[in-house]
N, C-alpha and C. Protein backbone atom coordinates (compact mmCIF):
# COMPACT_ATOMS: atom_id res chain seq x y z
N MET A 1 5.01 9.99 -13.49
CA MET A 1 4.22 8.38 -13.21
C MET A 1 3.31 9.14 -12.53
N LYS A 2 2.01 8.47 -12.57
CA LYS A 2 0.68 8.57 -11.99
C LYS A 2 0.55 7.53 -11.28
N ILE A 3 -0.25 7.58 -10.05
CA ILE A 3 -0.65 6.35 -9.08
C ILE A 3 -2.36 6.42 -9.25
N HIS A 4 -2.60 5.30 -9.50
CA HIS A 4 -4.02 4.83 -9.72
C HIS A 4 -4.41 3.78 -8.30
N TYR A 5 -5.29 3.95 -7.55
CA TYR A 5 -5.73 3.10 -6.52
C TYR A 5 -6.67 2.17 -7.06
N THR A 6 -6.74 0.76 -6.83
CA THR A 6 -7.41 -0.12 -7.10
C THR A 6 -8.57 -0.12 -6.31
N PRO A 7 -9.89 -0.57 -6.23
CA PRO A 7 -11.07 -0.44 -5.58
C PRO A 7 -10.66 -1.13 -4.30
N GLU A 8 -9.94 -2.28 -4.46
CA GLU A 8 -9.74 -2.96 -3.12
C GLU A 8 -8.51 -2.29 -2.52
N SER A 9 -7.73 -1.48 -2.97
CA SER A 9 -6.53 -0.89 -2.09
C SER A 9 -7.43 0.06 -1.53
N ILE A 10 -8.38 0.61 -1.93
CA ILE A 10 -9.25 1.82 -1.31
C ILE A 10 -10.03 1.17 -0.05
N GLU A 11 -10.62 0.12 -0.32
CA GLU A 11 -11.10 -0.41 0.77
C GLU A 11 -10.34 -0.84 1.70
N ASP A 12 -9.22 -1.59 1.39
CA ASP A 12 -7.97 -1.97 2.32
C ASP A 12 -7.83 -0.68 3.10
N LEU A 13 -7.58 0.73 2.77
CA LEU A 13 -7.24 1.83 3.42
C LEU A 13 -8.26 2.02 4.67
N ALA A 14 -9.52 1.86 4.02
CA ALA A 14 -10.74 2.31 5.08
C ALA A 14 -10.87 1.36 6.03
N ARG A 15 -10.25 0.13 5.73
CA ARG A 15 -10.56 -1.19 6.65
C ARG A 15 -9.51 -1.07 7.92
N LEU A 16 -8.40 -0.55 7.21
CA LEU A 16 -7.38 -0.09 8.25
C LEU A 16 -7.49 0.75 9.03
N ARG A 17 -8.02 1.82 8.44
CA ARG A 17 -8.27 3.39 9.39
C ARG A 17 -9.59 3.17 10.20
N ASN A 18 -10.68 2.49 10.08
CA ASN A 18 -11.51 2.01 10.69
C ASN A 18 -11.29 1.24 11.93
N PHE A 19 -10.59 0.41 11.71
CA PHE A 19 -9.99 -0.24 12.74
C PHE A 19 -9.28 0.13 14.02
N ILE A 20 -8.37 1.26 13.40
CA ILE A 20 -7.63 1.86 14.55
C ILE A 20 -8.43 3.25 15.56
N ALA A 21 -9.52 3.73 14.32
CA ALA A 21 -10.30 4.86 14.46
C ALA A 21 -11.41 4.36 15.70
N ASP A 22 -11.57 3.15 16.06
CA ASP A 22 -12.46 2.74 16.95
C ASP A 22 -11.89 2.91 18.44
N LYS A 23 -10.51 2.77 18.59
CA LYS A 23 -9.88 3.17 19.60
C LYS A 23 -9.24 4.62 19.78
N ASN A 24 -8.74 4.85 18.63
CA ASN A 24 -7.73 6.33 18.74
C ASN A 24 -8.04 7.19 17.12
N PRO A 25 -9.24 7.70 17.19
CA PRO A 25 -9.14 8.79 16.06
C PRO A 25 -8.05 9.50 15.35
N PRO A 26 -7.15 10.07 16.32
CA PRO A 26 -6.21 11.05 15.79
C PRO A 26 -4.93 10.06 15.19
N ALA A 27 -4.68 8.96 16.00
CA ALA A 27 -3.74 7.83 15.34
C ALA A 27 -4.28 7.09 14.20
N ALA A 28 -5.47 6.98 13.65
CA ALA A 28 -6.13 6.50 12.46
C ALA A 28 -5.63 7.55 11.50
N GLN A 29 -5.96 8.90 11.73
CA GLN A 29 -5.78 9.64 10.84
C GLN A 29 -4.06 10.18 10.35
N ARG A 30 -3.30 9.65 11.45
CA ARG A 30 -1.98 9.81 11.26
C ARG A 30 -1.47 8.59 10.59
N MET A 31 -2.02 7.54 10.60
CA MET A 31 -1.46 6.06 10.04
C MET A 31 -1.89 6.41 8.45
N ALA A 32 -2.95 6.88 8.41
CA ALA A 32 -3.72 7.00 6.66
C ALA A 32 -2.88 8.14 5.77
N THR A 33 -2.44 9.33 6.77
CA THR A 33 -1.67 10.13 6.16
C THR A 33 -0.20 9.63 5.92
N GLU A 34 0.40 9.18 6.83
CA GLU A 34 1.54 8.47 6.39
C GLU A 34 1.51 7.36 5.30
N LEU A 35 0.73 6.49 5.39
CA LEU A 35 0.57 5.82 4.18
C LEU A 35 0.38 6.30 2.82
N LEU A 36 -0.52 7.48 2.91
CA LEU A 36 -0.76 8.25 1.49
C LEU A 36 0.44 9.03 1.04
N SER A 37 1.14 9.51 1.95
CA SER A 37 2.50 10.51 1.60
C SER A 37 3.37 9.49 1.09
N SER A 38 3.63 8.15 1.97
CA SER A 38 4.46 7.25 1.16
C SER A 38 4.47 6.89 0.06
N ILE A 39 3.14 6.47 -0.08
CA ILE A 39 2.60 6.25 -1.76
C ILE A 39 2.87 7.20 -2.64
N LYS A 40 3.08 8.41 -2.16
CA LYS A 40 2.89 9.56 -3.48
C LYS A 40 4.82 9.59 -3.56
N LYS A 41 5.43 9.11 -2.75
CA LYS A 41 6.88 9.09 -2.83
C LYS A 41 6.93 8.19 -4.47
N LEU A 42 6.00 7.19 -4.74
CA LEU A 42 6.30 6.28 -5.76
C LEU A 42 6.32 7.22 -7.27
N LYS A 43 6.00 8.13 -7.28
CA LYS A 43 6.07 9.10 -8.28
C LYS A 43 7.33 9.29 -8.78
N VAL A 44 8.19 9.54 -7.89
CA VAL A 44 9.60 9.75 -8.21
C VAL A 44 10.41 8.67 -7.98
N PHE A 45 10.01 7.80 -7.16
CA PHE A 45 10.95 6.57 -7.33
C PHE A 45 10.04 5.40 -7.31
N PRO A 46 9.55 5.08 -8.21
CA PRO A 46 8.93 3.97 -8.43
C PRO A 46 8.99 2.49 -8.04
N LYS A 47 10.55 2.39 -8.15
CA LYS A 47 11.34 1.08 -7.36
C LYS A 47 11.73 1.18 -6.24
N MET A 48 11.26 1.89 -5.39
CA MET A 48 11.72 1.85 -3.87
C MET A 48 11.17 0.99 -3.08
N GLY A 49 10.22 0.23 -3.66
CA GLY A 49 9.71 -1.27 -3.06
C GLY A 49 10.41 -2.33 -3.38
N VAL A 50 10.28 -3.47 -2.94
CA VAL A 50 10.96 -4.52 -3.05
C VAL A 50 10.29 -5.61 -3.93
N GLY A 51 10.71 -6.06 -4.85
CA GLY A 51 9.85 -7.26 -5.71
C GLY A 51 9.57 -8.35 -4.86
N VAL A 52 8.45 -8.66 -5.30
CA VAL A 52 7.62 -10.03 -5.05
C VAL A 52 8.17 -11.22 -5.56
N THR A 53 9.07 -11.67 -5.03
CA THR A 53 9.83 -12.89 -5.51
C THR A 53 8.78 -14.01 -5.98
N SER A 54 7.83 -14.09 -5.46
CA SER A 54 6.60 -15.05 -5.60
C SER A 54 5.51 -15.17 -6.88
N SER A 55 5.78 -13.40 -7.37
CA SER A 55 4.96 -13.11 -8.63
C SER A 55 5.32 -13.59 -9.93
N PRO A 56 4.87 -13.44 -10.60
CA PRO A 56 5.42 -14.19 -12.12
C PRO A 56 6.34 -12.97 -12.43
N ASN A 57 6.46 -11.54 -12.09
CA ASN A 57 7.11 -10.64 -12.60
C ASN A 57 7.65 -9.68 -11.40
N PRO A 58 8.52 -10.20 -10.59
CA PRO A 58 9.24 -9.28 -9.34
C PRO A 58 9.54 -7.94 -9.62
N GLU A 59 9.92 -7.49 -10.81
CA GLU A 59 10.02 -6.27 -11.02
C GLU A 59 9.08 -5.38 -11.56
N ALA A 60 7.94 -5.80 -11.64
CA ALA A 60 6.53 -5.11 -11.72
C ALA A 60 5.82 -5.25 -10.63
N ILE A 61 5.63 -6.34 -9.67
CA ILE A 61 4.69 -6.26 -8.73
C ILE A 61 5.93 -6.45 -7.75
N ARG A 62 5.75 -5.18 -6.65
CA ARG A 62 6.44 -4.83 -5.52
C ARG A 62 5.73 -4.64 -4.32
N ASP A 63 6.42 -4.38 -2.99
CA ASP A 63 5.84 -4.23 -1.80
C ASP A 63 6.70 -3.10 -1.51
N LEU A 64 5.98 -2.21 -0.77
CA LEU A 64 6.54 -0.95 -0.31
C LEU A 64 6.08 -0.94 1.50
N PHE A 65 7.36 -1.01 2.10
CA PHE A 65 6.92 -1.44 3.55
C PHE A 65 7.16 0.09 4.18
N ILE A 66 5.96 0.43 5.07
CA ILE A 66 5.73 1.81 5.61
C ILE A 66 5.54 1.27 6.96
N GLY A 67 6.40 1.40 8.25
CA GLY A 67 6.12 0.94 9.21
C GLY A 67 5.62 -0.52 9.35
N GLN A 68 4.67 -0.52 10.14
CA GLN A 68 4.08 -2.09 10.24
C GLN A 68 2.93 -2.33 9.07
N TYR A 69 2.98 -1.49 8.02
CA TYR A 69 2.12 -1.88 6.80
C TYR A 69 3.08 -2.16 5.74
N THR A 70 2.06 -3.02 4.95
CA THR A 70 2.59 -3.46 3.45
C THR A 70 1.86 -3.03 2.46
N VAL A 71 2.37 -2.14 1.44
CA VAL A 71 1.66 -1.62 0.07
C VAL A 71 2.06 -2.26 -1.14
N ARG A 72 1.32 -3.31 -1.56
CA ARG A 72 1.66 -4.05 -2.74
C ARG A 72 1.09 -3.29 -3.95
N TYR A 73 2.13 -2.88 -4.95
CA TYR A 73 2.00 -2.12 -6.23
C TYR A 73 2.40 -2.93 -7.43
N LEU A 74 1.62 -2.52 -8.84
CA LEU A 74 2.31 -2.91 -9.65
C LEU A 74 2.70 -1.68 -10.71
N LEU A 75 4.04 -1.73 -11.15
CA LEU A 75 4.70 -0.80 -11.95
C LEU A 75 4.04 -1.24 -13.35
N ALA A 76 3.58 -0.21 -14.17
CA ALA A 76 3.26 -0.48 -15.36
C ALA A 76 4.12 0.94 -16.24
N THR A 77 4.19 1.01 -17.43
CA THR A 77 4.81 1.96 -18.30
C THR A 77 4.62 3.63 -17.72
N ASP A 78 3.54 3.80 -17.40
CA ASP A 78 3.22 5.17 -17.23
C ASP A 78 2.40 5.54 -16.33
N MET A 79 2.48 4.36 -15.20
CA MET A 79 1.40 4.33 -14.06
C MET A 79 1.49 3.28 -13.13
N THR A 80 1.50 3.69 -11.48
CA THR A 80 1.65 2.81 -10.57
C THR A 80 0.51 2.45 -10.26
N TYR A 81 0.07 1.13 -9.88
CA TYR A 81 -1.38 0.76 -9.49
C TYR A 81 -1.19 0.42 -8.17
N ILE A 82 -1.83 1.08 -7.34
CA ILE A 82 -1.89 0.38 -5.78
C ILE A 82 -2.51 -0.57 -5.79
N LEU A 83 -2.38 -2.01 -5.17
CA LEU A 83 -2.92 -3.13 -5.61
C LEU A 83 -3.82 -3.58 -4.34
N ARG A 84 -3.17 -3.65 -3.12
CA ARG A 84 -3.24 -3.91 -1.79
C ARG A 84 -2.67 -3.47 -0.60
N MET A 85 -3.19 -3.04 0.84
CA MET A 85 -2.30 -2.77 1.84
C MET A 85 -3.10 -3.76 2.94
N TRP A 86 -2.19 -3.80 3.77
CA TRP A 86 -2.31 -4.60 4.93
C TRP A 86 -1.41 -4.21 6.22
N HIS A 87 -1.68 -4.59 7.49
CA HIS A 87 -0.92 -4.49 8.69
C HIS A 87 -0.05 -5.70 8.57
N ASP A 88 1.05 -5.65 9.19
CA ASP A 88 2.03 -6.93 9.55
C ASP A 88 1.18 -8.15 10.18
N LYS A 89 0.48 -7.72 10.99
CA LYS A 89 -0.55 -8.86 11.83
C LYS A 89 -1.35 -9.47 10.95
N GLU A 90 -1.85 -8.95 9.54
CA GLU A 90 -2.86 -9.53 8.93
C GLU A 90 -1.96 -10.42 7.88
N SER A 91 -2.67 -11.50 7.61
CA SER A 91 -2.05 -12.22 6.35
C SER A 91 -2.55 -11.79 4.60
N GLU A 92 -2.02 -11.51 4.02
CA GLU A 92 -2.00 -11.02 2.66
C GLU A 92 -3.24 -12.27 2.25
N ARG A 93 -2.95 -13.15 2.54
CA ARG A 93 -4.22 -14.46 2.02
C ARG A 93 -5.43 -14.15 2.82
N ASP A 94 -5.42 -13.45 3.89
CA ASP A 94 -6.83 -13.38 4.63
C ASP A 94 -7.68 -11.94 3.71
N LEU A 95 -6.91 -11.39 2.92
CA LEU A 95 -7.62 -10.02 2.21
C LEU A 95 -8.68 -10.47 1.24
């Protein structure tokens, strides 16, 4: 299983990292590293996230919760697409 990051998810990671880096650069690096290493686990355990019940296909659209962060992804036949990432204090509608 391969992992593909959408442009939006890359922008989300940069936004989250920059927000934290303004006050604590080492914490920003730790957060980014933790998110990326948790996402890599999807290669082996692609269904470890929870199905998004409000989506048309909850088996394919899933949320992975990593601490206070949510990573939304799409499961395809041979690829996992990382769609978006946000902090719990953000609303996914604001992205």
